[in-house]
Each structure stands twice: as structure tokens, then as C-alpha cells.
């Protein structure tokens, strides 16, 4: 028994429609802190609903060299973005998001999310200007004793120094990270 030609085309069309529907649903997943695996880059995460509030609650009233650390973190993550790095095997996973400040790429930021999408740590790195031999790295950690989070963020800072030295070797003289300030997260309530 053969199916009529129109029925065959209808079945094929339905199969394609169902396939496109599943692709569209996957592509429509929102990028937020709670769905970080769907973020294509750091900017998409930074501009997601609720991101500013979560950063402000995590950082609290700490002050940095030029402004509140809240402002420095948000500015450093809102410029030219990097793609997220999945931290496989790092306490069952997590993500590292990084970027640099718009029009001031010597200032960089990183966000370390835990496997459960909670913020584990934030970093603000100021590579400095020509002649500065002591680049500054401020870390805000959920647990100030979390050496793994500190090591990951310090390794990111050292990697970015190497990238900048390779790219802008005539503009910067700092060749290694020489100081880290670790601050506790605030966990402020609404």
C-alpha cells in the first residue's frame, strides 16, 4: 500500500516544522545568571535582566581606586566581551565570563559562576599605564578562603597580562601580577 503524494509531503512538512520548533526553542533560551550556559558572550550576560542588582548585592559598598567596586565591576564587564569559558571539573563545573572596559581595555573584569549559577567570585584588573610596574587585582569572593576561586581569577589576570604584552608590548611594562586584594562578598538583601 502506498501513501498518496500529498500525504507524504504533509508528513515531511510536519517533520521539518517540528525540527525547526525545537531549534527555535533552544535558541530562545534567555541568557541570565541562572541560565549562563546559554550566553554567547559576556555582554549578553551583563545586559540580561537582573544582572546589575545581583552584582550590587554581591559586591556591596566596597570602594575601589576610582569609584565604588560595583561601578568598576560593571564597567569592566560591559565592554568588548570574551566568550564564556566552561570550568569543567571545577567543583562539578561553572563558568568564567570576562571582558574589558569600553574605550579602556587596560581595565578588565571577570565573573566566576559556580555550577549552580551562583556568583563565586568577581575580579577587577587594572593593567595600569606605561611605567606602572604593579598592576592591581581586586577580588571579591563569596568565601575569602576559597583558594581555588582565587587561583582561577589570578590565572585569568596573568593570562590577560600575557595577552596584552603580546598585543601592546610598546605601551605597557608590567610583566606579572604582583599584588592581589581579596574582599569578602556582601550578600546584601533587597
N, C-alpha and C. Protein backbone atom coordinates (compact mmCIF):
# COMPACT_ATOMS: atom_id res chain seq x y z
N UNK A 1 0.83 -1.15 0.00
CA UNK A 1 0.00 0.00 0.00
C UNK A 1 0.89 1.24 0.00
N UNK A 2 0.60 2.18 -0.82
CA UNK A 2 1.36 3.42 -0.90
C UNK A 2 0.52 4.59 -0.41
N UNK A 3 1.20 5.52 0.16
CA UNK A 3 0.52 6.72 0.64
C UNK A 3 0.37 7.71 -0.52
N UNK A 4 -0.68 8.45 -0.51
CA UNK A 4 -0.82 9.47 -1.55
C UNK A 4 0.29 10.51 -1.42
N UNK A 5 0.69 11.05 -2.55
CA UNK A 5 1.79 12.01 -2.63
C UNK A 5 1.55 13.21 -1.70
N UNK A 6 0.36 13.72 -1.62
CA UNK A 6 0.05 14.88 -0.78
C UNK A 6 0.27 14.55 0.70
N UNK A 7 -0.06 13.32 1.10
CA UNK A 7 0.12 12.93 2.48
C UNK A 7 1.62 12.83 2.81
N UNK A 8 2.41 12.33 1.88
CA UNK A 8 3.86 12.22 2.09
C UNK A 8 4.45 13.61 2.29
N UNK A 9 4.06 14.56 1.45
CA UNK A 9 4.57 15.93 1.59
C UNK A 9 4.12 16.56 2.90
N UNK A 10 2.91 16.25 3.33
CA UNK A 10 2.40 16.78 4.59
C UNK A 10 3.21 16.22 5.76
N UNK A 11 3.52 14.94 5.74
CA UNK A 11 4.31 14.31 6.80
C UNK A 11 5.72 14.91 6.84
N UNK A 12 6.32 15.08 5.67
CA UNK A 12 7.66 15.68 5.59
C UNK A 12 7.63 17.11 6.12
N UNK A 13 6.61 17.87 5.74
CA UNK A 13 6.48 19.26 6.21
C UNK A 13 6.32 19.31 7.72
N UNK A 14 5.54 18.40 8.28
CA UNK A 14 5.37 18.35 9.73
C UNK A 14 6.68 18.01 10.45
N UNK A 15 7.45 17.11 9.87
CA UNK A 15 8.75 16.76 10.47
C UNK A 15 9.68 17.97 10.48
N UNK A 16 9.74 18.69 9.37
CA UNK A 16 10.58 19.89 9.31
C UNK A 16 10.09 20.94 10.30
N UNK A 17 8.79 21.10 10.39
CA UNK A 17 8.22 22.09 11.30
C UNK A 17 8.58 21.76 12.75
N UNK A 18 8.49 20.49 13.12
CA UNK A 18 8.83 20.08 14.48
C UNK A 18 10.32 20.29 14.75
N UNK A 19 11.16 20.00 13.76
CA UNK A 19 12.60 20.20 13.93
C UNK A 19 12.92 21.68 14.12
N UNK A 20 12.32 22.54 13.32
CA UNK A 20 12.55 23.98 13.44
C UNK A 20 12.02 24.51 14.76
N UNK A 21 10.93 23.96 15.23
CA UNK A 21 10.36 24.40 16.50
C UNK A 21 11.34 24.10 17.64
N UNK A 22 11.95 22.93 17.65
CA UNK A 22 12.89 22.60 18.72
C UNK A 22 14.15 23.45 18.63
N UNK A 23 14.61 23.75 17.42
CA UNK A 23 15.77 24.63 17.25
C UNK A 23 15.44 26.04 17.74
N UNK A 24 14.25 26.53 17.39
CA UNK A 24 13.84 27.87 17.80
C UNK A 24 13.69 27.94 19.32
N UNK A 25 13.19 26.89 19.95
CA UNK A 25 13.05 26.88 21.41
C UNK A 25 14.40 26.93 22.08
N UNK A 26 15.37 26.17 21.55
CA UNK A 26 16.71 26.17 22.14
C UNK A 26 17.37 27.53 21.96
N UNK A 27 17.18 28.15 20.79
CA UNK A 27 17.78 29.45 20.54
C UNK A 27 17.12 30.54 21.35
N UNK A 28 15.89 30.33 21.78
CA UNK A 28 15.15 31.35 22.51
C UNK A 28 15.42 31.30 24.01
N UNK A 29 16.26 30.38 24.48
CA UNK A 29 16.57 30.33 25.91
C UNK A 29 17.19 31.66 26.32
N UNK A 30 16.70 32.27 27.36
CA UNK A 30 17.25 33.56 27.77
C UNK A 30 18.61 33.40 28.43
N UNK A 31 19.43 34.39 28.25
CA UNK A 31 20.74 34.44 28.90
C UNK A 31 20.57 35.23 30.19
N UNK A 32 20.74 34.57 31.32
CA UNK A 32 20.70 35.22 32.63
C UNK A 32 21.74 34.53 33.51
N UNK A 33 21.93 35.03 34.70
CA UNK A 33 22.84 34.35 35.63
C UNK A 33 22.42 32.92 35.87
N UNK A 34 21.10 32.66 35.91
CA UNK A 34 20.59 31.32 36.19
C UNK A 34 20.62 30.40 34.97
N UNK A 35 20.87 30.96 33.79
CA UNK A 35 20.98 30.16 32.56
C UNK A 35 22.24 30.56 31.80
N UNK A 36 23.34 30.70 32.52
CA UNK A 36 24.59 31.20 31.94
C UNK A 36 25.09 30.36 30.77
N UNK A 37 24.76 29.08 30.76
CA UNK A 37 25.24 28.22 29.67
C UNK A 37 24.66 28.62 28.31
N UNK A 38 23.61 29.43 28.30
CA UNK A 38 23.02 29.89 27.05
C UNK A 38 23.55 31.24 26.60
N UNK A 39 24.48 31.83 27.33
CA UNK A 39 25.04 33.13 26.98
C UNK A 39 26.15 32.94 25.96
N UNK A 40 26.10 33.71 24.89
CA UNK A 40 27.13 33.57 23.85
C UNK A 40 28.39 34.36 24.18
N UNK A 41 28.26 35.43 25.00
CA UNK A 41 29.42 36.20 25.42
C UNK A 41 29.10 36.96 26.70
N UNK A 42 30.08 37.65 27.22
CA UNK A 42 29.92 38.35 28.49
C UNK A 42 28.92 39.50 28.37
N UNK A 43 28.93 40.22 27.25
CA UNK A 43 27.98 41.33 27.09
C UNK A 43 26.54 40.87 27.20
N UNK A 44 26.23 39.75 26.60
CA UNK A 44 24.86 39.26 26.66
C UNK A 44 24.46 39.00 28.11
N UNK A 45 25.37 38.47 28.91
CA UNK A 45 25.08 38.24 30.32
C UNK A 45 24.94 39.56 31.08
N UNK A 46 25.86 40.49 30.84
CA UNK A 46 25.85 41.77 31.55
C UNK A 46 24.56 42.55 31.29
N UNK A 47 24.02 42.45 30.08
CA UNK A 47 22.81 43.19 29.74
C UNK A 47 21.54 42.42 30.04
N UNK A 48 21.65 41.26 30.66
CA UNK A 48 20.45 40.47 30.97
C UNK A 48 19.72 41.07 32.17
N UNK A 49 18.40 40.84 32.23
CA UNK A 49 17.60 41.40 33.34
C UNK A 49 18.11 40.90 34.70
N UNK A 50 18.24 41.83 35.63
CA UNK A 50 18.62 41.50 36.99
C UNK A 50 20.12 41.40 37.26
N UNK A 51 20.94 41.47 36.22
CA UNK A 51 22.39 41.30 36.41
C UNK A 51 22.96 42.39 37.32
N UNK A 52 22.64 43.66 37.05
CA UNK A 52 23.17 44.76 37.86
C UNK A 52 22.85 44.58 39.34
N UNK A 53 21.61 44.22 39.63
CA UNK A 53 21.18 44.05 41.01
C UNK A 53 21.96 42.94 41.71
N UNK A 54 22.18 41.82 41.01
CA UNK A 54 22.93 40.71 41.61
C UNK A 54 24.37 41.13 41.91
N UNK A 55 24.99 41.87 40.98
CA UNK A 55 26.37 42.33 41.20
C UNK A 55 26.41 43.30 42.38
N UNK A 56 25.46 44.22 42.44
CA UNK A 56 25.45 45.19 43.53
C UNK A 56 25.26 44.51 44.88
N UNK A 57 24.39 43.51 44.93
CA UNK A 57 24.19 42.78 46.18
C UNK A 57 25.45 42.01 46.58
N UNK A 58 26.12 41.43 45.59
CA UNK A 58 27.32 40.63 45.87
C UNK A 58 28.48 41.51 46.32
N UNK A 59 28.71 42.62 45.64
CA UNK A 59 29.86 43.48 45.93
C UNK A 59 29.62 44.33 47.17
N UNK A 60 28.42 44.87 47.31
CA UNK A 60 28.14 45.73 48.46
C UNK A 60 28.84 47.08 48.34
N UNK A 61 29.12 47.70 49.46
CA UNK A 61 29.63 49.07 49.44
C UNK A 61 31.15 49.20 49.32
N UNK A 62 31.87 48.13 48.98
CA UNK A 62 33.32 48.24 48.85
C UNK A 62 33.69 49.35 47.87
N UNK A 63 34.77 50.06 48.18
CA UNK A 63 35.24 51.10 47.27
C UNK A 63 36.54 50.64 46.62
N UNK A 64 36.72 51.10 45.38
CA UNK A 64 37.91 50.79 44.63
C UNK A 64 38.80 52.02 44.49
N UNK A 65 39.73 51.96 43.58
CA UNK A 65 40.68 53.05 43.39
C UNK A 65 40.01 54.28 42.80
N UNK A 66 39.05 54.10 41.87
CA UNK A 66 38.47 55.24 41.17
C UNK A 66 36.99 55.44 41.48
N UNK A 67 36.31 54.45 41.96
CA UNK A 67 34.86 54.53 42.20
C UNK A 67 34.48 53.37 43.11
N UNK A 68 33.18 53.18 43.32
CA UNK A 68 32.78 52.01 44.08
C UNK A 68 33.16 50.78 43.26
N UNK A 69 33.42 49.69 43.93
CA UNK A 69 33.76 48.46 43.20
C UNK A 69 32.58 47.99 42.36
N UNK A 70 31.35 48.29 42.79
CA UNK A 70 30.19 47.94 41.97
C UNK A 70 30.33 48.58 40.59
N UNK A 71 30.62 49.87 40.55
CA UNK A 71 30.75 50.57 39.26
C UNK A 71 31.92 50.03 38.46
N UNK A 72 33.05 49.77 39.13
CA UNK A 72 34.22 49.26 38.43
C UNK A 72 33.95 47.88 37.83
N UNK A 73 33.29 47.01 38.60
CA UNK A 73 32.97 45.67 38.09
C UNK A 73 32.04 45.77 36.89
N UNK A 74 30.97 46.53 37.01
CA UNK A 74 30.01 46.65 35.91
C UNK A 74 30.65 47.27 34.68
N UNK A 75 31.49 48.29 34.86
CA UNK A 75 32.17 48.92 33.71
C UNK A 75 33.15 47.96 33.06
N UNK A 76 33.90 47.21 33.88
CA UNK A 76 34.91 46.32 33.31
C UNK A 76 34.30 45.14 32.58
N UNK A 77 33.09 44.75 32.93
CA UNK A 77 32.44 43.62 32.25
C UNK A 77 31.57 44.04 31.07
N UNK A 78 31.35 45.35 30.90
CA UNK A 78 30.39 45.82 29.89
C UNK A 78 31.03 46.20 28.56
N UNK A 79 32.32 46.10 28.43
CA UNK A 79 32.98 46.48 27.19
C UNK A 79 33.17 45.29 26.26
N UNK A 80 34.20 45.33 25.41
CA UNK A 80 34.45 44.23 24.49
C UNK A 80 34.50 42.89 25.22
N UNK A 81 33.60 41.97 24.85
CA UNK A 81 33.45 40.73 25.62
C UNK A 81 34.32 39.59 25.13
N UNK A 82 34.54 38.67 26.03
CA UNK A 82 35.14 37.38 25.69
C UNK A 82 34.02 36.35 25.70
N UNK A 83 34.28 35.22 25.08
CA UNK A 83 33.33 34.12 25.15
C UNK A 83 33.47 33.45 26.52
N UNK A 84 32.38 32.94 27.07
CA UNK A 84 32.48 32.27 28.36
C UNK A 84 33.33 31.00 28.28
N UNK A 85 34.01 30.71 29.36
CA UNK A 85 34.84 29.51 29.45
C UNK A 85 34.17 28.59 30.47
N UNK A 86 33.84 27.40 30.04
CA UNK A 86 33.25 26.43 30.97
C UNK A 86 34.36 25.82 31.79
N UNK A 87 34.20 25.84 33.09
CA UNK A 87 35.21 25.34 34.02
C UNK A 87 34.90 23.88 34.34
N UNK A 88 35.24 22.99 33.45
CA UNK A 88 34.97 21.57 33.66
C UNK A 88 35.83 21.04 34.80
N UNK A 89 35.23 20.24 35.63
CA UNK A 89 35.96 19.63 36.72
C UNK A 89 36.22 20.57 37.88
N UNK A 90 35.76 21.79 37.79
CA UNK A 90 35.96 22.77 38.84
C UNK A 90 34.75 22.71 39.76
N UNK A 91 34.82 21.84 40.78
CA UNK A 91 33.68 21.55 41.65
C UNK A 91 32.44 21.25 40.81
N UNK A 92 32.56 20.34 39.88
CA UNK A 92 31.48 19.88 39.00
C UNK A 92 31.06 20.94 37.98
N UNK A 93 31.89 21.93 37.74
CA UNK A 93 31.61 22.87 36.65
C UNK A 93 31.35 24.28 37.12
N UNK A 94 31.19 25.14 36.15
CA UNK A 94 30.97 26.56 36.38
C UNK A 94 31.39 27.30 35.13
N UNK A 95 31.38 28.62 35.19
CA UNK A 95 31.70 29.42 34.00
C UNK A 95 32.52 30.63 34.41
N UNK A 96 33.44 31.01 33.54
CA UNK A 96 34.23 32.23 33.71
C UNK A 96 33.86 33.16 32.57
N UNK A 97 33.34 34.33 32.93
CA UNK A 97 33.00 35.36 31.95
C UNK A 97 33.96 36.52 32.14
N UNK A 98 34.49 37.06 31.04
CA UNK A 98 35.41 38.18 31.17
C UNK A 98 35.20 39.16 30.02
N UNK A 99 35.66 40.37 30.25
CA UNK A 99 35.57 41.44 29.25
C UNK A 99 36.52 42.54 29.69
N UNK A 100 36.57 43.60 28.88
CA UNK A 100 37.35 44.76 29.30
C UNK A 100 36.46 46.00 29.17
N UNK A 101 36.86 47.04 29.88
CA UNK A 101 36.07 48.27 29.89
C UNK A 101 36.07 48.92 28.51
N UNK A 102 34.93 49.43 28.09
CA UNK A 102 34.82 50.10 26.79
C UNK A 102 35.77 51.30 26.76
N UNK A 103 36.55 51.40 25.71
CA UNK A 103 37.49 52.51 25.47
C UNK A 103 38.61 52.57 26.50
N UNK A 104 38.77 51.54 27.31
CA UNK A 104 39.85 51.50 28.30
C UNK A 104 40.16 50.03 28.58
N UNK A 105 40.65 49.33 27.57
CA UNK A 105 40.81 47.88 27.69
C UNK A 105 41.95 47.47 28.61
N UNK A 106 42.63 48.44 29.22
CA UNK A 106 43.61 48.07 30.23
C UNK A 106 42.92 47.73 31.55
N UNK A 107 41.63 48.03 31.64
CA UNK A 107 40.82 47.66 32.80
C UNK A 107 39.96 46.47 32.39
N UNK A 108 40.09 45.38 33.12
CA UNK A 108 39.39 44.15 32.74
C UNK A 108 38.60 43.61 33.94
N UNK A 109 37.60 42.83 33.64
CA UNK A 109 36.81 42.23 34.70
C UNK A 109 36.51 40.79 34.40
N UNK A 110 36.27 40.02 35.45
CA UNK A 110 35.91 38.61 35.30
C UNK A 110 34.88 38.25 36.35
N UNK A 111 34.02 37.35 35.96
CA UNK A 111 32.96 36.84 36.82
C UNK A 111 33.07 35.33 36.82
N UNK A 112 33.18 34.74 38.00
CA UNK A 112 33.27 33.29 38.14
C UNK A 112 31.96 32.79 38.73
N UNK A 113 31.22 32.01 37.95
CA UNK A 113 29.97 31.43 38.41
C UNK A 113 30.20 29.99 38.81
N UNK A 114 29.52 29.58 39.85
CA UNK A 114 29.58 28.21 40.31
C UNK A 114 28.69 27.32 39.45
N UNK A 115 28.79 26.03 39.62
CA UNK A 115 27.98 25.08 38.86
C UNK A 115 26.49 25.29 39.09
N UNK A 116 26.11 25.89 40.23
CA UNK A 116 24.69 26.14 40.50
C UNK A 116 24.26 27.55 40.10
N UNK A 117 25.08 28.23 39.30
CA UNK A 117 24.83 29.56 38.76
C UNK A 117 24.94 30.67 39.80
N UNK A 118 25.47 30.40 40.97
CA UNK A 118 25.68 31.46 41.95
C UNK A 118 27.05 32.10 41.69
N UNK A 119 27.17 33.35 42.08
CA UNK A 119 28.44 34.06 41.88
C UNK A 119 29.44 33.55 42.92
N UNK A 120 30.56 33.07 42.45
CA UNK A 120 31.60 32.58 43.34
C UNK A 120 32.67 33.65 43.56
N UNK A 121 32.91 34.45 42.52
CA UNK A 121 33.91 35.49 42.65
C UNK A 121 33.86 36.48 41.51
N UNK A 122 34.36 37.67 41.76
CA UNK A 122 34.48 38.73 40.77
C UNK A 122 35.91 39.26 40.82
N UNK A 123 36.40 39.71 39.70
CA UNK A 123 37.74 40.30 39.65
C UNK A 123 37.70 41.57 38.82
N UNK A 124 38.43 42.57 39.29
CA UNK A 124 38.66 43.79 38.52
C UNK A 124 40.16 43.95 38.44
N UNK A 125 40.65 44.05 37.21
CA UNK A 125 42.08 44.10 36.97
C UNK A 125 42.40 45.37 36.21
N UNK A 126 43.28 46.20 36.77
CA UNK A 126 43.73 47.42 36.11
C UNK A 126 45.19 47.21 35.73
N UNK A 127 45.42 47.08 34.44
CA UNK A 127 46.76 46.80 33.96
C UNK A 127 47.66 48.01 34.11
N UNK A 128 47.07 49.17 34.31
CA UNK A 128 47.87 50.37 34.53
C UNK A 128 48.31 51.03 33.25
N UNK A 129 49.12 52.03 33.41
CA UNK A 129 49.63 52.78 32.27
C UNK A 129 51.12 52.54 32.15
N UNK A 130 51.70 53.05 31.09
CA UNK A 130 53.13 52.87 30.85
C UNK A 130 53.91 53.39 32.06
N UNK A 131 54.82 52.60 32.52
CA UNK A 131 55.63 52.99 33.67
C UNK A 131 55.14 52.40 34.98
N UNK A 132 53.92 51.89 35.01
CA UNK A 132 53.41 51.28 36.24
C UNK A 132 53.86 49.83 36.29
N UNK A 133 54.57 49.47 37.36
CA UNK A 133 55.07 48.11 37.45
C UNK A 133 54.30 47.25 38.42
N UNK A 134 53.17 47.73 38.90
CA UNK A 134 52.44 47.00 39.92
C UNK A 134 50.95 46.93 39.57
N UNK A 135 50.57 46.07 38.64
CA UNK A 135 49.15 46.01 38.26
C UNK A 135 48.28 45.59 39.44
N UNK A 136 47.09 46.14 39.50
CA UNK A 136 46.18 45.94 40.62
C UNK A 136 45.12 44.91 40.27
N UNK A 137 44.89 43.97 41.18
CA UNK A 137 43.83 42.98 41.01
C UNK A 137 43.00 42.97 42.29
N UNK A 138 41.74 43.36 42.17
CA UNK A 138 40.81 43.29 43.29
C UNK A 138 39.90 42.10 43.07
N UNK A 139 39.81 41.23 44.08
CA UNK A 139 38.92 40.07 44.03
C UNK A 139 37.85 40.23 45.09
N UNK A 140 36.63 39.95 44.72
CA UNK A 140 35.52 39.88 45.67
C UNK A 140 35.06 38.44 45.64
N UNK A 141 35.25 37.72 46.72
CA UNK A 141 34.96 36.30 46.76
C UNK A 141 33.83 36.00 47.74
N UNK A 142 32.96 35.09 47.36
CA UNK A 142 31.90 34.65 48.26
C UNK A 142 32.50 34.12 49.56
N UNK A 143 33.59 33.36 49.43
CA UNK A 143 34.34 32.86 50.59
C UNK A 143 35.78 33.32 50.43
N UNK A 144 36.25 34.29 51.21
CA UNK A 144 37.61 34.80 51.07
C UNK A 144 38.70 33.73 51.22
N UNK A 145 38.35 32.59 51.81
CA UNK A 145 39.31 31.49 51.97
C UNK A 145 39.28 30.51 50.79
N UNK A 146 38.47 30.78 49.77
CA UNK A 146 38.32 29.90 48.60
C UNK A 146 39.55 30.05 47.70
N UNK A 147 40.55 29.21 47.95
CA UNK A 147 41.80 29.32 47.19
C UNK A 147 41.63 28.92 45.73
N UNK A 148 40.71 28.02 45.44
CA UNK A 148 40.51 27.63 44.04
C UNK A 148 39.95 28.79 43.22
N UNK A 149 38.96 29.51 43.76
CA UNK A 149 38.41 30.67 43.06
C UNK A 149 39.48 31.74 42.90
N UNK A 150 40.24 31.96 43.94
CA UNK A 150 41.33 32.95 43.87
C UNK A 150 42.35 32.54 42.81
N UNK A 151 42.72 31.26 42.78
CA UNK A 151 43.70 30.79 41.79
C UNK A 151 43.18 30.93 40.36
N UNK A 152 41.91 30.61 40.15
CA UNK A 152 41.33 30.73 38.81
C UNK A 152 41.35 32.19 38.36
N UNK A 153 40.92 33.09 39.22
CA UNK A 153 40.87 34.51 38.85
C UNK A 153 42.26 35.11 38.72
N UNK A 154 43.21 34.69 39.53
CA UNK A 154 44.59 35.16 39.39
C UNK A 154 45.21 34.62 38.10
N UNK A 155 44.90 33.36 37.76
CA UNK A 155 45.40 32.80 36.49
C UNK A 155 44.81 33.57 35.31
N UNK A 156 43.53 33.92 35.39
CA UNK A 156 42.91 34.74 34.34
C UNK A 156 43.65 36.08 34.22
N UNK A 157 43.96 36.73 35.36
CA UNK A 157 44.67 38.02 35.33
C UNK A 157 46.05 37.85 34.70
N UNK A 158 46.77 36.80 35.07
CA UNK A 158 48.09 36.57 34.48
C UNK A 158 47.99 36.29 32.98
N UNK A 159 46.96 35.57 32.58
CA UNK A 159 46.76 35.30 31.16
C UNK A 159 46.49 36.60 30.41
N UNK A 160 45.69 37.50 30.99
CA UNK A 160 45.37 38.75 30.31
C UNK A 160 46.60 39.65 30.23
N UNK A 161 47.48 39.59 31.25
CA UNK A 161 48.74 40.33 31.18
C UNK A 161 49.56 39.84 29.99
N UNK A 162 49.66 38.52 29.86
CA UNK A 162 50.42 37.94 28.75
C UNK A 162 49.82 38.33 27.41
N UNK A 163 48.47 38.31 27.31
CA UNK A 163 47.82 38.70 26.06
C UNK A 163 48.10 40.16 25.73
N UNK A 164 48.01 41.03 26.73
CA UNK A 164 48.25 42.45 26.50
C UNK A 164 49.71 42.72 26.16
N UNK A 165 50.64 42.03 26.82
CA UNK A 165 52.05 42.21 26.49
C UNK A 165 52.33 41.79 25.05
N UNK A 166 51.67 40.72 24.63
CA UNK A 166 51.84 40.26 23.25
C UNK A 166 51.25 41.27 22.27
N UNK A 167 50.08 41.81 22.61
CA UNK A 167 49.38 42.72 21.71
C UNK A 167 49.90 44.14 21.79
N UNK A 168 50.16 44.64 23.00
CA UNK A 168 50.52 46.04 23.20
C UNK A 168 51.88 46.19 23.85
N UNK A 169 52.85 45.45 23.43
CA UNK A 169 54.13 45.40 24.14
C UNK A 169 54.80 46.77 24.27
N UNK A 170 54.55 47.71 23.38
CA UNK A 170 55.17 49.02 23.48
C UNK A 170 54.49 49.94 24.48
N UNK A 171 53.29 49.63 24.88
CA UNK A 171 52.52 50.52 25.74
C UNK A 171 52.57 50.18 27.22
N UNK A 172 52.91 48.96 27.57
CA UNK A 172 52.87 48.53 28.96
C UNK A 172 54.20 47.89 29.34
N UNK A 173 54.56 48.04 30.61
CA UNK A 173 55.81 47.44 31.05
C UNK A 173 55.60 46.36 32.11
N UNK A 174 54.42 46.31 32.72
CA UNK A 174 54.18 45.29 33.74
C UNK A 174 54.21 43.91 33.08
N UNK A 175 54.93 42.99 33.70
CA UNK A 175 55.04 41.67 33.12
C UNK A 175 54.47 40.57 33.99
N UNK A 176 54.10 40.91 35.22
CA UNK A 176 53.50 39.90 36.08
C UNK A 176 52.61 40.57 37.11
N UNK A 177 51.73 39.79 37.65
CA UNK A 177 50.83 40.23 38.70
C UNK A 177 51.60 40.22 40.01
N UNK A 178 51.65 41.36 40.68
CA UNK A 178 52.45 41.43 41.90
C UNK A 178 51.63 41.65 43.16
N UNK A 179 50.34 41.93 43.04
CA UNK A 179 49.55 42.14 44.24
C UNK A 179 48.08 41.84 44.01
N UNK A 180 47.47 41.21 45.00
CA UNK A 180 46.04 40.86 44.94
C UNK A 180 45.38 41.33 46.23
N UNK A 181 44.25 42.01 46.10
CA UNK A 181 43.44 42.39 47.25
C UNK A 181 42.21 41.50 47.24
N UNK A 182 41.96 40.80 48.34
CA UNK A 182 40.79 39.92 48.44
C UNK A 182 39.80 40.53 49.42
N UNK A 183 38.57 40.70 48.94
CA UNK A 183 37.50 41.26 49.76
C UNK A 183 36.36 40.26 49.85
N UNK A 184 35.65 40.22 50.96
CA UNK A 184 34.51 39.31 51.07
C UNK A 184 33.28 39.88 50.36
N UNK A 185 32.48 39.00 49.81
CA UNK A 185 31.20 39.41 49.21
C UNK A 185 30.29 39.87 50.32
N UNK A 186 29.33 40.72 49.96
CA UNK A 186 28.45 41.30 50.97
C UNK A 186 27.17 40.52 51.19
N UNK A 187 26.64 39.90 50.14
CA UNK A 187 25.38 39.15 50.24
C UNK A 187 24.26 40.01 50.84
N UNK A 188 24.13 41.23 50.36
CA UNK A 188 23.09 42.13 50.86
C UNK A 188 21.73 41.68 50.40
N UNK A 189 20.73 41.87 51.22
CA UNK A 189 19.36 41.51 50.86
C UNK A 189 18.68 42.69 50.21
N UNK A 190 17.61 42.43 49.45
CA UNK A 190 16.86 43.51 48.80
C UNK A 190 16.30 44.48 49.81
